[in-house]
Amino acid sequence: MRTKVKQWIVICVAVFLVINLIWYFNYQRYRSITKGYKKSPVNYYLAEDNYSLSISPPKYLRLQGSLSITDNRYLTVVYWPKTFLLARQKCGVVIADEKNNTTFLFYVDDKLHYQEDESIQYTNDEMKKINYLEKKNKRKLKCLDHIAKKEWAKILK
């Protein structure tokens, strides 16, 4: 009986250590690309005149972090890389509608076109607004995407 309890304790500790090691090495991969970035309490950032880049390493025991670029006004492109920054997994866009004081978040494909997702439900009117804002800002979104792909070329292939 005591031997089984000890075995379970050893197994639990081993699993906990493995999970922590995976998280730690994944976190360090994010840290490895922060050279030249300033540290804030929640991420690393690099502010330029027309845009800002940010690197958000995964929180403790999470494997998902993010990379993002914003125009410092109302557009942001967010990239969620795979574990260990091996490749881009998902990409999303945040567009603020300044006139209506509304912000929309949606997933996009490689060409920054709207990609439907079951977890985000918009009304028909909201979809019309999203399509309008997406078309209106297409050039700027592509420019931000180009800058991000240049900065994080190995990750955002």
N, C-alpha and C. Protein backbone atom coordinates (compact mmCIF):
# COMPACT_ATOMS: atom_id res chain seq x y z
N MET A 1 0.82 -1.19 0.00
CA MET A 1 0.00 0.00 0.00
C MET A 1 0.86 1.26 0.00
N ARG A 2 1.85 1.31 0.89
CA ARG A 2 2.73 2.48 0.95
C ARG A 2 3.53 2.63 -0.34
N THR A 3 3.91 1.55 -0.93
CA THR A 3 4.69 1.58 -2.16
C THR A 3 3.86 2.21 -3.29
N LYS A 4 2.58 1.86 -3.37
CA LYS A 4 1.72 2.44 -4.40
C LYS A 4 1.55 3.95 -4.20
N VAL A 5 1.41 4.37 -2.96
CA VAL A 5 1.28 5.80 -2.67
C VAL A 5 2.56 6.52 -3.08
N LYS A 6 3.70 5.94 -2.75
CA LYS A 6 4.98 6.55 -3.13
C LYS A 6 5.11 6.61 -4.65
N GLN A 7 4.69 5.55 -5.34
CA GLN A 7 4.77 5.53 -6.80
C GLN A 7 3.90 6.65 -7.40
N TRP A 8 2.70 6.82 -6.85
CA TRP A 8 1.81 7.87 -7.34
C TRP A 8 2.41 9.26 -7.08
N ILE A 9 3.02 9.42 -5.96
CA ILE A 9 3.65 10.71 -5.65
C ILE A 9 4.79 10.98 -6.62
N VAL A 10 5.61 9.98 -6.87
CA VAL A 10 6.73 10.13 -7.81
C VAL A 10 6.21 10.43 -9.21
N ILE A 11 5.17 9.74 -9.63
CA ILE A 11 4.59 9.97 -10.96
C ILE A 11 4.03 11.40 -11.06
N CYS A 12 3.31 11.82 -10.03
CA CYS A 12 2.73 13.18 -10.03
C CYS A 12 3.82 14.25 -10.07
N VAL A 13 4.85 14.07 -9.29
CA VAL A 13 5.96 15.04 -9.28
C VAL A 13 6.66 15.04 -10.64
N ALA A 14 6.87 13.87 -11.22
CA ALA A 14 7.53 13.78 -12.53
C ALA A 14 6.69 14.47 -13.61
N VAL A 15 5.39 14.24 -13.60
CA VAL A 15 4.51 14.88 -14.58
C VAL A 15 4.54 16.39 -14.40
N PHE A 16 4.47 16.86 -13.17
CA PHE A 16 4.53 18.29 -12.88
C PHE A 16 5.84 18.90 -13.38
N LEU A 17 6.95 18.19 -13.15
CA LEU A 17 8.25 18.69 -13.62
C LEU A 17 8.31 18.74 -15.14
N VAL A 18 7.79 17.73 -15.81
CA VAL A 18 7.80 17.71 -17.27
C VAL A 18 6.96 18.87 -17.82
N ILE A 19 5.78 19.07 -17.26
CA ILE A 19 4.92 20.17 -17.70
C ILE A 19 5.63 21.51 -17.50
N ASN A 20 6.27 21.68 -16.36
CA ASN A 20 7.01 22.93 -16.09
C ASN A 20 8.18 23.11 -17.04
N LEU A 21 8.88 22.05 -17.36
CA LEU A 21 10.01 22.14 -18.29
C LEU A 21 9.54 22.52 -19.69
N ILE A 22 8.45 21.92 -20.14
CA ILE A 22 7.91 22.27 -21.46
C ILE A 22 7.53 23.74 -21.48
N TRP A 23 6.82 24.19 -20.43
CA TRP A 23 6.44 25.60 -20.37
C TRP A 23 7.69 26.49 -20.36
N TYR A 24 8.67 26.15 -19.55
CA TYR A 24 9.87 26.97 -19.42
C TYR A 24 10.60 27.11 -20.76
N PHE A 25 10.80 26.00 -21.47
CA PHE A 25 11.52 26.08 -22.75
C PHE A 25 10.71 26.84 -23.80
N ASN A 26 9.40 26.68 -23.78
CA ASN A 26 8.54 27.44 -24.68
C ASN A 26 8.63 28.94 -24.35
N TYR A 27 8.57 29.28 -23.07
CA TYR A 27 8.69 30.67 -22.62
C TYR A 27 10.04 31.26 -23.06
N GLN A 28 11.09 30.49 -22.91
CA GLN A 28 12.42 30.97 -23.30
C GLN A 28 12.53 31.22 -24.80
N ARG A 29 11.79 30.46 -25.60
CA ARG A 29 11.78 30.71 -27.05
C ARG A 29 11.22 32.11 -27.33
N TYR A 30 10.16 32.48 -26.62
CA TYR A 30 9.60 33.83 -26.78
C TYR A 30 10.62 34.87 -26.31
N ARG A 31 11.24 34.62 -25.18
CA ARG A 31 12.24 35.56 -24.65
C ARG A 31 13.40 35.74 -25.62
N SER A 32 13.72 34.70 -26.38
CA SER A 32 14.87 34.76 -27.29
C SER A 32 14.67 35.76 -28.42
N ILE A 33 13.44 36.16 -28.70
CA ILE A 33 13.20 37.10 -29.80
C ILE A 33 12.89 38.51 -29.30
N THR A 34 13.15 38.78 -28.04
CA THR A 34 12.83 40.09 -27.46
C THR A 34 14.00 41.08 -27.46
N LYS A 35 15.10 40.71 -28.05
CA LYS A 35 16.26 41.61 -28.06
C LYS A 35 15.88 42.93 -28.75
N GLY A 36 16.14 44.04 -28.07
CA GLY A 36 15.81 45.36 -28.59
C GLY A 36 14.43 45.84 -28.18
N TYR A 37 13.67 44.98 -27.54
CA TYR A 37 12.33 45.33 -27.08
C TYR A 37 12.39 45.80 -25.63
N LYS A 38 11.46 46.67 -25.26
CA LYS A 38 11.34 47.11 -23.87
C LYS A 38 10.38 46.17 -23.15
N LYS A 39 10.61 45.99 -21.85
CA LYS A 39 9.76 45.11 -21.06
C LYS A 39 8.71 45.93 -20.33
N SER A 40 7.47 45.47 -20.42
CA SER A 40 6.39 46.04 -19.63
C SER A 40 5.92 44.95 -18.66
N PRO A 41 5.00 45.24 -17.78
CA PRO A 41 4.54 44.19 -16.84
C PRO A 41 3.88 42.98 -17.53
N VAL A 42 3.34 43.18 -18.73
CA VAL A 42 2.63 42.08 -19.38
C VAL A 42 3.25 41.57 -20.68
N ASN A 43 4.16 42.35 -21.28
CA ASN A 43 4.75 41.90 -22.54
C ASN A 43 6.05 42.65 -22.83
N TYR A 44 6.58 42.41 -24.02
CA TYR A 44 7.73 43.14 -24.53
C TYR A 44 7.23 43.94 -25.72
N TYR A 45 7.71 45.16 -25.88
CA TYR A 45 7.20 45.98 -26.98
C TYR A 45 8.32 46.81 -27.61
N LEU A 46 8.07 47.18 -28.84
CA LEU A 46 8.98 48.03 -29.60
C LEU A 46 8.11 49.08 -30.28
N ALA A 47 8.22 50.32 -29.85
CA ALA A 47 7.39 51.40 -30.39
C ALA A 47 8.16 52.16 -31.47
N GLU A 48 7.56 52.25 -32.63
CA GLU A 48 8.09 53.04 -33.74
C GLU A 48 7.13 54.20 -33.99
N ASP A 49 7.45 55.07 -34.95
CA ASP A 49 6.59 56.23 -35.21
C ASP A 49 5.18 55.83 -35.64
N ASN A 50 5.09 54.91 -36.60
CA ASN A 50 3.78 54.58 -37.19
C ASN A 50 3.20 53.26 -36.73
N TYR A 51 3.91 52.52 -35.91
CA TYR A 51 3.42 51.22 -35.47
C TYR A 51 4.15 50.79 -34.21
N SER A 52 3.60 49.79 -33.55
CA SER A 52 4.25 49.18 -32.38
C SER A 52 4.14 47.67 -32.50
N LEU A 53 5.21 47.00 -32.15
CA LEU A 53 5.25 45.54 -32.13
C LEU A 53 5.23 45.07 -30.69
N SER A 54 4.58 43.95 -30.43
CA SER A 54 4.63 43.41 -29.07
C SER A 54 4.74 41.90 -29.09
N ILE A 55 5.43 41.40 -28.10
CA ILE A 55 5.62 39.96 -27.90
C ILE A 55 5.06 39.64 -26.52
N SER A 56 4.07 38.78 -26.48
CA SER A 56 3.46 38.38 -25.20
C SER A 56 3.77 36.90 -24.97
N PRO A 57 4.79 36.61 -24.15
CA PRO A 57 5.11 35.20 -23.87
C PRO A 57 3.94 34.53 -23.15
N PRO A 58 3.87 33.21 -23.21
CA PRO A 58 2.78 32.51 -22.53
C PRO A 58 2.86 32.70 -21.02
N LYS A 59 1.71 32.82 -20.41
CA LYS A 59 1.64 32.91 -18.95
C LYS A 59 2.00 31.54 -18.36
N TYR A 60 2.28 31.53 -17.08
CA TYR A 60 2.74 30.30 -16.41
C TYR A 60 1.80 29.12 -16.67
N LEU A 61 2.40 28.03 -17.11
CA LEU A 61 1.76 26.76 -17.44
C LEU A 61 0.80 26.85 -18.63
N ARG A 62 0.90 27.91 -19.41
CA ARG A 62 0.17 28.02 -20.67
C ARG A 62 1.18 27.89 -21.79
N LEU A 63 0.77 27.38 -22.92
CA LEU A 63 1.70 27.22 -24.03
C LEU A 63 1.50 28.26 -25.12
N GLN A 64 0.38 28.99 -25.07
CA GLN A 64 0.05 29.94 -26.11
C GLN A 64 0.43 31.36 -25.73
N GLY A 65 1.30 31.96 -26.52
CA GLY A 65 1.63 33.37 -26.39
C GLY A 65 1.15 34.06 -27.65
N SER A 66 1.57 35.30 -27.87
CA SER A 66 1.16 35.99 -29.09
C SER A 66 2.19 37.03 -29.51
N LEU A 67 2.11 37.35 -30.78
CA LEU A 67 2.89 38.43 -31.38
C LEU A 67 1.87 39.38 -31.99
N SER A 68 2.09 40.67 -31.89
CA SER A 68 1.12 41.57 -32.50
C SER A 68 1.79 42.85 -33.00
N ILE A 69 1.10 43.48 -33.93
CA ILE A 69 1.53 44.77 -34.46
C ILE A 69 0.30 45.67 -34.53
N THR A 70 0.47 46.91 -34.15
CA THR A 70 -0.63 47.87 -34.18
C THR A 70 -0.19 49.15 -34.86
N ASP A 71 -1.15 49.85 -35.43
CA ASP A 71 -0.83 51.13 -36.07
C ASP A 71 -0.88 52.29 -35.06
N ASN A 72 -0.97 51.95 -33.78
CA ASN A 72 -1.02 52.93 -32.69
C ASN A 72 -2.31 53.74 -32.69
N ARG A 73 -3.31 53.30 -33.44
CA ARG A 73 -4.59 54.01 -33.46
C ARG A 73 -5.76 53.03 -33.34
N TYR A 74 -6.10 52.36 -34.43
CA TYR A 74 -7.31 51.54 -34.40
C TYR A 74 -7.18 50.19 -35.09
N LEU A 75 -5.99 49.82 -35.54
CA LEU A 75 -5.79 48.53 -36.20
C LEU A 75 -4.72 47.72 -35.48
N THR A 76 -5.00 46.43 -35.28
CA THR A 76 -4.02 45.52 -34.71
C THR A 76 -4.12 44.18 -35.42
N VAL A 77 -2.98 43.60 -35.74
CA VAL A 77 -2.93 42.24 -36.27
C VAL A 77 -2.25 41.39 -35.21
N VAL A 78 -2.90 40.29 -34.82
CA VAL A 78 -2.39 39.41 -33.76
C VAL A 78 -2.08 38.05 -34.36
N TYR A 79 -0.90 37.53 -34.01
CA TYR A 79 -0.48 36.20 -34.47
C TYR A 79 -0.32 35.31 -33.25
N TRP A 80 -0.90 34.12 -33.32
CA TRP A 80 -0.74 33.14 -32.25
C TRP A 80 0.11 32.00 -32.79
N PRO A 81 1.40 31.98 -32.47
CA PRO A 81 2.28 30.92 -32.97
C PRO A 81 2.02 29.58 -32.29
N LYS A 82 2.48 28.54 -32.96
CA LYS A 82 2.44 27.21 -32.36
C LYS A 82 3.44 27.16 -31.21
N THR A 83 3.35 26.13 -30.41
CA THR A 83 4.28 25.94 -29.29
C THR A 83 5.72 25.97 -29.80
N PHE A 84 6.61 26.57 -29.04
CA PHE A 84 8.03 26.74 -29.36
C PHE A 84 8.26 27.64 -30.58
N LEU A 85 7.26 28.45 -30.95
CA LEU A 85 7.37 29.40 -32.07
C LEU A 85 7.73 28.71 -33.38
N LEU A 86 7.23 27.53 -33.59
CA LEU A 86 7.59 26.76 -34.78
C LEU A 86 6.96 27.29 -36.06
N ALA A 87 5.78 27.87 -35.97
CA ALA A 87 5.09 28.44 -37.13
C ALA A 87 3.87 29.20 -36.63
N ARG A 88 3.25 29.91 -37.53
CA ARG A 88 2.03 30.63 -37.17
C ARG A 88 0.86 29.65 -37.13
N GLN A 89 0.07 29.74 -36.08
CA GLN A 89 -1.08 28.86 -35.95
C GLN A 89 -2.36 29.57 -36.39
N LYS A 90 -2.61 30.74 -35.80
CA LYS A 90 -3.79 31.52 -36.14
C LYS A 90 -3.42 32.99 -36.23
N CYS A 91 -4.26 33.72 -36.92
CA CYS A 91 -4.04 35.15 -37.06
C CYS A 91 -5.39 35.85 -36.90
N GLY A 92 -5.38 36.98 -36.21
CA GLY A 92 -6.61 37.73 -36.02
C GLY A 92 -6.39 39.21 -36.22
N VAL A 93 -7.48 39.91 -36.41
CA VAL A 93 -7.43 41.36 -36.60
C VAL A 93 -8.37 42.00 -35.58
N VAL A 94 -7.91 43.10 -35.02
CA VAL A 94 -8.74 43.92 -34.14
C VAL A 94 -8.89 45.27 -34.84
N ILE A 95 -10.14 45.64 -35.13
CA ILE A 95 -10.41 46.92 -35.77
C ILE A 95 -11.36 47.71 -34.89
N ALA A 96 -10.97 48.92 -34.59
CA ALA A 96 -11.83 49.81 -33.80
C ALA A 96 -12.59 50.72 -34.76
N ASP A 97 -13.87 50.80 -34.57
CA ASP A 97 -14.72 51.72 -35.32
C ASP A 97 -14.87 52.96 -34.45
N GLU A 98 -14.07 53.96 -34.74
CA GLU A 98 -14.03 55.16 -33.90
C GLU A 98 -15.35 55.93 -33.89
N LYS A 99 -16.06 55.91 -35.01
CA LYS A 99 -17.32 56.64 -35.09
C LYS A 99 -18.36 56.08 -34.13
N ASN A 100 -18.42 54.75 -34.05
CA ASN A 100 -19.44 54.10 -33.22
C ASN A 100 -18.89 53.59 -31.90
N ASN A 101 -17.62 53.89 -31.63
CA ASN A 101 -16.99 53.45 -30.38
C ASN A 101 -17.14 51.94 -30.15
N THR A 102 -16.84 51.18 -31.21
CA THR A 102 -16.97 49.72 -31.19
C THR A 102 -15.68 49.10 -31.68
N THR A 103 -15.34 47.97 -31.10
CA THR A 103 -14.15 47.24 -31.54
C THR A 103 -14.56 45.83 -31.96
N PHE A 104 -14.02 45.39 -33.08
CA PHE A 104 -14.31 44.05 -33.59
C PHE A 104 -13.03 43.22 -33.61
N LEU A 105 -13.13 41.97 -33.19
CA LEU A 105 -12.02 41.01 -33.27
C LEU A 105 -12.50 39.85 -34.11
N PHE A 106 -11.69 39.47 -35.10
CA PHE A 106 -12.05 38.32 -35.93
C PHE A 106 -10.79 37.66 -36.46
N TYR A 107 -10.91 36.39 -36.79
CA TYR A 107 -9.80 35.64 -37.36
C TYR A 107 -9.72 35.91 -38.85
N VAL A 108 -8.49 35.83 -39.38
CA VAL A 108 -8.27 36.03 -40.81
C VAL A 108 -7.38 34.91 -41.34
N ASP A 109 -7.42 34.73 -42.66
CA ASP A 109 -6.55 33.74 -43.30
C ASP A 109 -5.21 34.38 -43.64
N ASP A 110 -4.39 33.68 -44.41
CA ASP A 110 -3.05 34.19 -44.76
C ASP A 110 -3.09 35.50 -45.55
N LYS A 111 -4.20 35.73 -46.26
CA LYS A 111 -4.32 36.95 -47.06
C LYS A 111 -5.11 38.04 -46.33
N LEU A 112 -5.31 37.83 -45.04
CA LEU A 112 -6.01 38.77 -44.16
C LEU A 112 -7.48 38.94 -44.52
N HIS A 113 -8.09 37.90 -45.08
CA HIS A 113 -9.53 37.91 -45.33
C HIS A 113 -10.25 37.31 -44.14
N TYR A 114 -11.42 37.84 -43.85
CA TYR A 114 -12.24 37.38 -42.74
C TYR A 114 -12.39 35.86 -42.80
N GLN A 115 -12.26 35.23 -41.64
CA GLN A 115 -12.40 33.78 -41.54
C GLN A 115 -13.42 33.50 -40.43
N GLU A 116 -14.50 32.87 -40.80
CA GLU A 116 -15.56 32.60 -39.83
C GLU A 116 -15.08 31.65 -38.74
N ASP A 117 -15.54 31.90 -37.54
CA ASP A 117 -15.19 31.06 -36.40
C ASP A 117 -16.42 30.92 -35.52
N GLU A 118 -16.70 29.69 -35.10
CA GLU A 118 -17.90 29.43 -34.30
C GLU A 118 -17.89 30.12 -32.95
N SER A 119 -16.70 30.40 -32.43
CA SER A 119 -16.61 30.99 -31.09
C SER A 119 -16.93 32.49 -31.09
N ILE A 120 -16.98 33.10 -32.28
CA ILE A 120 -17.29 34.52 -32.37
C ILE A 120 -18.52 34.69 -33.26
N GLN A 121 -19.59 35.16 -32.70
CA GLN A 121 -20.85 35.34 -33.42
C GLN A 121 -21.15 36.83 -33.58
N TYR A 122 -21.34 37.26 -34.82
CA TYR A 122 -21.70 38.64 -35.10
C TYR A 122 -23.06 38.68 -35.79
N THR A 123 -23.79 39.77 -35.56
CA THR A 123 -25.08 39.97 -36.24
C THR A 123 -24.80 40.35 -37.69
N ASN A 124 -25.85 40.36 -38.52
CA ASN A 124 -25.70 40.75 -39.92
C ASN A 124 -25.20 42.19 -40.04
N ASP A 125 -25.73 43.08 -39.20
CA ASP A 125 -25.27 44.48 -39.23
C ASP A 125 -23.80 44.60 -38.85
N GLU A 126 -23.39 43.82 -37.84
CA GLU A 126 -21.98 43.83 -37.43
C GLU A 126 -21.10 43.28 -38.54
N MET A 127 -21.57 42.23 -39.23
CA MET A 127 -20.79 41.66 -40.33
C MET A 127 -20.62 42.67 -41.47
N LYS A 128 -21.66 43.43 -41.75
CA LYS A 128 -21.56 44.47 -42.79
C LYS A 128 -20.51 45.50 -42.38
N LYS A 129 -20.53 45.88 -41.12
CA LYS A 129 -19.57 46.86 -40.61
C LYS A 129 -18.14 46.29 -40.68
N ILE A 130 -17.98 45.02 -40.28
CA ILE A 130 -16.67 44.37 -40.34
C ILE A 130 -16.16 44.34 -41.78
N ASN A 131 -17.01 43.94 -42.71
CA ASN A 131 -16.61 43.90 -44.13
C ASN A 131 -16.20 45.29 -44.63
N TYR A 132 -16.96 46.28 -44.24
CA TYR A 132 -16.65 47.66 -44.63
C TYR A 132 -15.29 48.09 -44.06
N LEU A 133 -15.10 47.88 -42.76
CA LEU A 133 -13.84 48.28 -42.11
C LEU A 133 -12.65 47.49 -42.66
N GLU A 134 -12.88 46.20 -42.93
CA GLU A 134 -11.81 45.37 -43.48
C GLU A 134 -11.38 45.88 -44.85
N LYS A 135 -12.34 46.19 -45.73
CA LYS A 135 -12.02 46.70 -47.06
C LYS A 135 -11.38 48.08 -46.98
N LYS A 136 -11.92 48.92 -46.11
CA LYS A 136 -11.40 50.28 -45.96
C LYS A 136 -9.94 50.28 -45.50
N ASN A 137 -9.59 49.33 -44.66
CA ASN A 137 -8.25 49.29 -44.07
C ASN A 137 -7.35 48.21 -44.65
N LYS A 138 -7.73 47.62 -45.77
CA LYS A 138 -6.98 46.50 -46.35
C LYS A 138 -5.52 46.86 -46.61
N ARG A 139 -5.28 48.02 -47.20
CA ARG A 139 -3.90 48.42 -47.52
C ARG A 139 -3.06 48.55 -46.26
N LYS A 140 -3.62 49.18 -45.24
CA LYS A 140 -2.90 49.38 -43.99
C LYS A 140 -2.66 48.04 -43.28
N LEU A 141 -3.66 47.15 -43.31
CA LEU A 141 -3.50 45.82 -42.71
C LEU A 141 -2.38 45.04 -43.40
N LYS A 142 -2.34 45.12 -44.73
CA LYS A 142 -1.28 44.42 -45.47
C LYS A 142 0.09 45.01 -45.15
N CYS A 143 0.15 46.31 -44.97
CA CYS A 143 1.40 46.96 -44.60
C CYS A 143 1.87 46.48 -43.22
N LEU A 144 0.95 46.45 -42.25
CA LEU A 144 1.30 45.96 -40.91
C LEU A 144 1.74 44.50 -40.97
N ASP A 145 1.02 43.70 -41.75
CA ASP A 145 1.37 42.28 -41.89
C ASP A 145 2.77 42.13 -42.50
N HIS A 146 3.08 42.96 -43.48
CA HIS A 146 4.40 42.91 -44.11
C HIS A 146 5.51 43.24 -43.11
N ILE A 147 5.29 44.27 -42.30
CA ILE A 147 6.28 44.66 -41.29
C ILE A 147 6.47 43.52 -40.28
N ALA A 148 5.36 42.93 -39.83
CA ALA A 148 5.43 41.84 -38.86
C ALA A 148 6.15 40.63 -39.44
N LYS A 149 5.86 40.31 -40.69
CA LYS A 149 6.51 39.15 -41.33
C LYS A 149 8.00 39.40 -41.53
N LYS A 150 8.37 40.64 -41.72
CA LYS A 150 9.79 40.98 -41.84
C LYS A 150 10.47 40.85 -40.47
N GLU A 151 9.80 41.33 -39.41
CA GLU A 151 10.35 41.28 -38.05
C GLU A 151 10.47 39.84 -37.53
N TRP A 152 9.44 39.06 -37.77
CA TRP A 152 9.39 37.69 -37.23
C TRP A 152 9.35 36.67 -38.38
N ALA A 153 10.26 36.84 -39.34
CA ALA A 153 10.26 36.05 -40.57
C ALA A 153 10.29 34.53 -40.33
N LYS A 154 11.07 34.10 -39.37
CA LYS A 154 11.21 32.65 -39.15
C LYS A 154 9.93 32.04 -38.58
N ILE A 155 9.12 32.84 -37.91
CA ILE A 155 7.91 32.34 -37.26
C ILE A 155 6.70 32.47 -38.17
N LEU A 156 6.58 33.58 -38.87
CA LEU A 156 5.39 33.88 -39.66
C LEU A 156 5.56 33.55 -41.13
N LYS A 157 6.23 32.49 -41.43
CA LYS A 157 6.51 32.08 -42.81
C LYS A 157 5.27 32.06 -43.66
